[in-house]
Amino acid sequence: MTPIKIVGIILIALGALALVYGGFSYTKDTTAVKLGPIELTVKEKETVNVPLWLGIGAIVAGALVLVMGGRK
């Protein structure tokens, strides 16, 4: 399997995941207050939404890479 085909498969898989889940979330640590040796940190949950068109575009791009990558 060539690296081009692997890239195509990864794009298709990422596009499918984007369509199924619609986004992802992560936790970010931020420093709220710092008074001398005392430091207060806050954990914030951030959510990133993946647009529908981006998931579809990744699937189409992956399919094109698979089709065009196999031709010589």
C-alpha atoms as a PDB file:
ATOM      1  CA  MET A   1       0.000   0.000   0.000  1.00  0.00           C
ATOM      2  CA  THR A   2       1.462   3.322  -1.060  1.00  0.00           C
ATOM      3  CA  PRO A   3       1.590   6.397   1.181  1.00  0.00           C
ATOM      4  CA  ILE A   4      -0.856   8.205  -1.132  1.00  0.00           C
ATOM      5  CA  LYS A   5      -3.487   5.511  -0.597  1.00  0.00           C
ATOM      6  CA  ILE A   6      -2.940   5.666   3.160  1.00  0.00           C
ATOM      7  CA  VAL A   7      -3.521   9.437   3.091  1.00  0.00           C
ATOM      8  CA  GLY A   8      -6.729   8.892   1.116  1.00  0.00           C
ATOM      9  CA  ILE A   9      -8.007   6.318   3.601  1.00  0.00           C
ATOM     10  CA  ILE A  10      -7.162   8.589   6.550  1.00  0.00           C
ATOM     11  CA  LEU A  11      -9.031  11.506   4.927  1.00  0.00           C
ATOM     12  CA  ILE A  12     -12.100   9.339   4.367  1.00  0.00           C
ATOM     13  CA  ALA A  13     -11.989   8.060   7.960  1.00  0.00           C
ATOM     14  CA  LEU A  14     -11.603  11.574   9.407  1.00  0.00           C
ATOM     15  CA  GLY A  15     -14.448  12.849   7.242  1.00  0.00           C
ATOM     16  CA  ALA A  16     -16.707  10.020   8.400  1.00  0.00           C
ATOM     17  CA  LEU A  17     -15.830  10.718  12.047  1.00  0.00           C
ATOM     18  CA  ALA A  18     -16.595  14.406  11.521  1.00  0.00           C
ATOM     19  CA  LEU A  19     -20.022  13.529  10.129  1.00  0.00           C
ATOM     20  CA  VAL A  20     -20.812  11.064  12.922  1.00  0.00           C
ATOM     21  CA  TYR A  21     -19.634  13.099  15.917  1.00  0.00           C
ATOM     22  CA  GLY A  22     -19.939  16.660  14.591  1.00  0.00           C
ATOM     23  CA  GLY A  23     -17.064  17.941  16.710  1.00  0.00           C
ATOM     24  CA  PHE A  24     -14.826  17.274  19.680  1.00  0.00           C
ATOM     25  CA  SER A  25     -14.109  18.737  23.093  1.00  0.00           C
ATOM     26  CA  TYR A  26     -11.014  19.180  25.206  1.00  0.00           C
ATOM     27  CA  THR A  27     -10.092  20.552  28.630  1.00  0.00           C
ATOM     28  CA  LYS A  28      -7.891  23.637  28.906  1.00  0.00           C
ATOM     29  CA  ASP A  29      -6.129  24.695  32.116  1.00  0.00           C
ATOM     30  CA  THR A  30      -5.949  28.443  32.699  1.00  0.00           C
ATOM     31  CA  THR A  31      -4.459  30.404  35.559  1.00  0.00           C
ATOM     32  CA  ALA A  32      -7.157  32.520  37.173  1.00  0.00           C
ATOM     33  CA  VAL A  33      -5.226  34.083  40.074  1.00  0.00           C
ATOM     34  CA  LYS A  34      -1.557  34.083  41.003  1.00  0.00           C
ATOM     35  CA  LEU A  35      -0.719  35.631  44.376  1.00  0.00           C
ATOM     36  CA  GLY A  36       2.876  34.929  45.317  1.00  0.00           C
ATOM     37  CA  PRO A  37       3.306  31.196  45.881  1.00  0.00           C
ATOM     38  CA  ILE A  38      -0.459  30.584  45.688  1.00  0.00           C
ATOM     39  CA  GLU A  39      -1.836  29.866  42.242  1.00  0.00           C
ATOM     40  CA  LEU A  40      -5.462  29.185  41.364  1.00  0.00           C
ATOM     41  CA  THR A  41      -6.107  27.311  38.126  1.00  0.00           C
ATOM     42  CA  VAL A  42      -9.407  26.740  36.393  1.00  0.00           C
ATOM     43  CA  LYS A  43     -10.220  23.901  34.020  1.00  0.00           C
ATOM     44  CA  GLU A  44     -12.362  25.018  31.099  1.00  0.00           C
ATOM     45  CA  LYS A  45     -14.063  22.591  28.738  1.00  0.00           C
ATOM     46  CA  GLU A  46     -13.805  23.819  25.162  1.00  0.00           C
ATOM     47  CA  THR A  47     -15.921  22.410  22.325  1.00  0.00           C
ATOM     48  CA  VAL A  48     -14.947  22.612  18.657  1.00  0.00           C
ATOM     49  CA  ASN A  49     -17.726  22.007  16.136  1.00  0.00           C
ATOM     50  CA  VAL A  50     -16.723  20.555  12.780  1.00  0.00           C
ATOM     51  CA  PRO A  51     -18.898  21.904   9.959  1.00  0.00           C
ATOM     52  CA  LEU A  52     -20.856  19.447   7.829  1.00  0.00           C
ATOM     53  CA  TRP A  53     -19.240  20.692   4.624  1.00  0.00           C
ATOM     54  CA  LEU A  54     -15.773  19.979   6.031  1.00  0.00           C
ATOM     55  CA  GLY A  55     -16.617  16.332   6.757  1.00  0.00           C
ATOM     56  CA  ILE A  56     -18.101  15.850   3.294  1.00  0.00           C
ATOM     57  CA  GLY A  57     -15.128  17.641   1.727  1.00  0.00           C
ATOM     58  CA  ALA A  58     -12.668  15.354   3.517  1.00  0.00           C
ATOM     59  CA  ILE A  59     -14.506  12.264   2.244  1.00  0.00           C
ATOM     60  CA  VAL A  60     -14.558  13.597  -1.329  1.00  0.00           C
ATOM     61  CA  ALA A  61     -10.881  14.609  -1.157  1.00  0.00           C
ATOM     62  CA  GLY A  62      -9.938  11.185   0.222  1.00  0.00           C
ATOM     63  CA  ALA A  63     -11.852   9.454  -2.566  1.00  0.00           C
ATOM     64  CA  LEU A  64     -10.136  11.626  -5.176  1.00  0.00           C
ATOM     65  CA  VAL A  65      -6.730  10.870  -3.681  1.00  0.00           C
ATOM     66  CA  LEU A  66      -7.479   7.143  -3.800  1.00  0.00           C
ATOM     67  CA  VAL A  67      -8.670   7.298  -7.416  1.00  0.00           C
ATOM     68  CA  MET A  68      -5.965   9.632  -8.700  1.00  0.00           C
ATOM     69  CA  GLY A  69      -3.201   8.051  -6.599  1.00  0.00           C
ATOM     70  CA  GLY A  70      -3.709   4.655  -8.199  1.00  0.00           C
ATOM     71  CA  ARG A  71      -3.244   5.975 -11.753  1.00  0.00           C
ATOM     72  CA  LYS A  72       0.137   6.231 -13.385  1.00  0.00           C
END
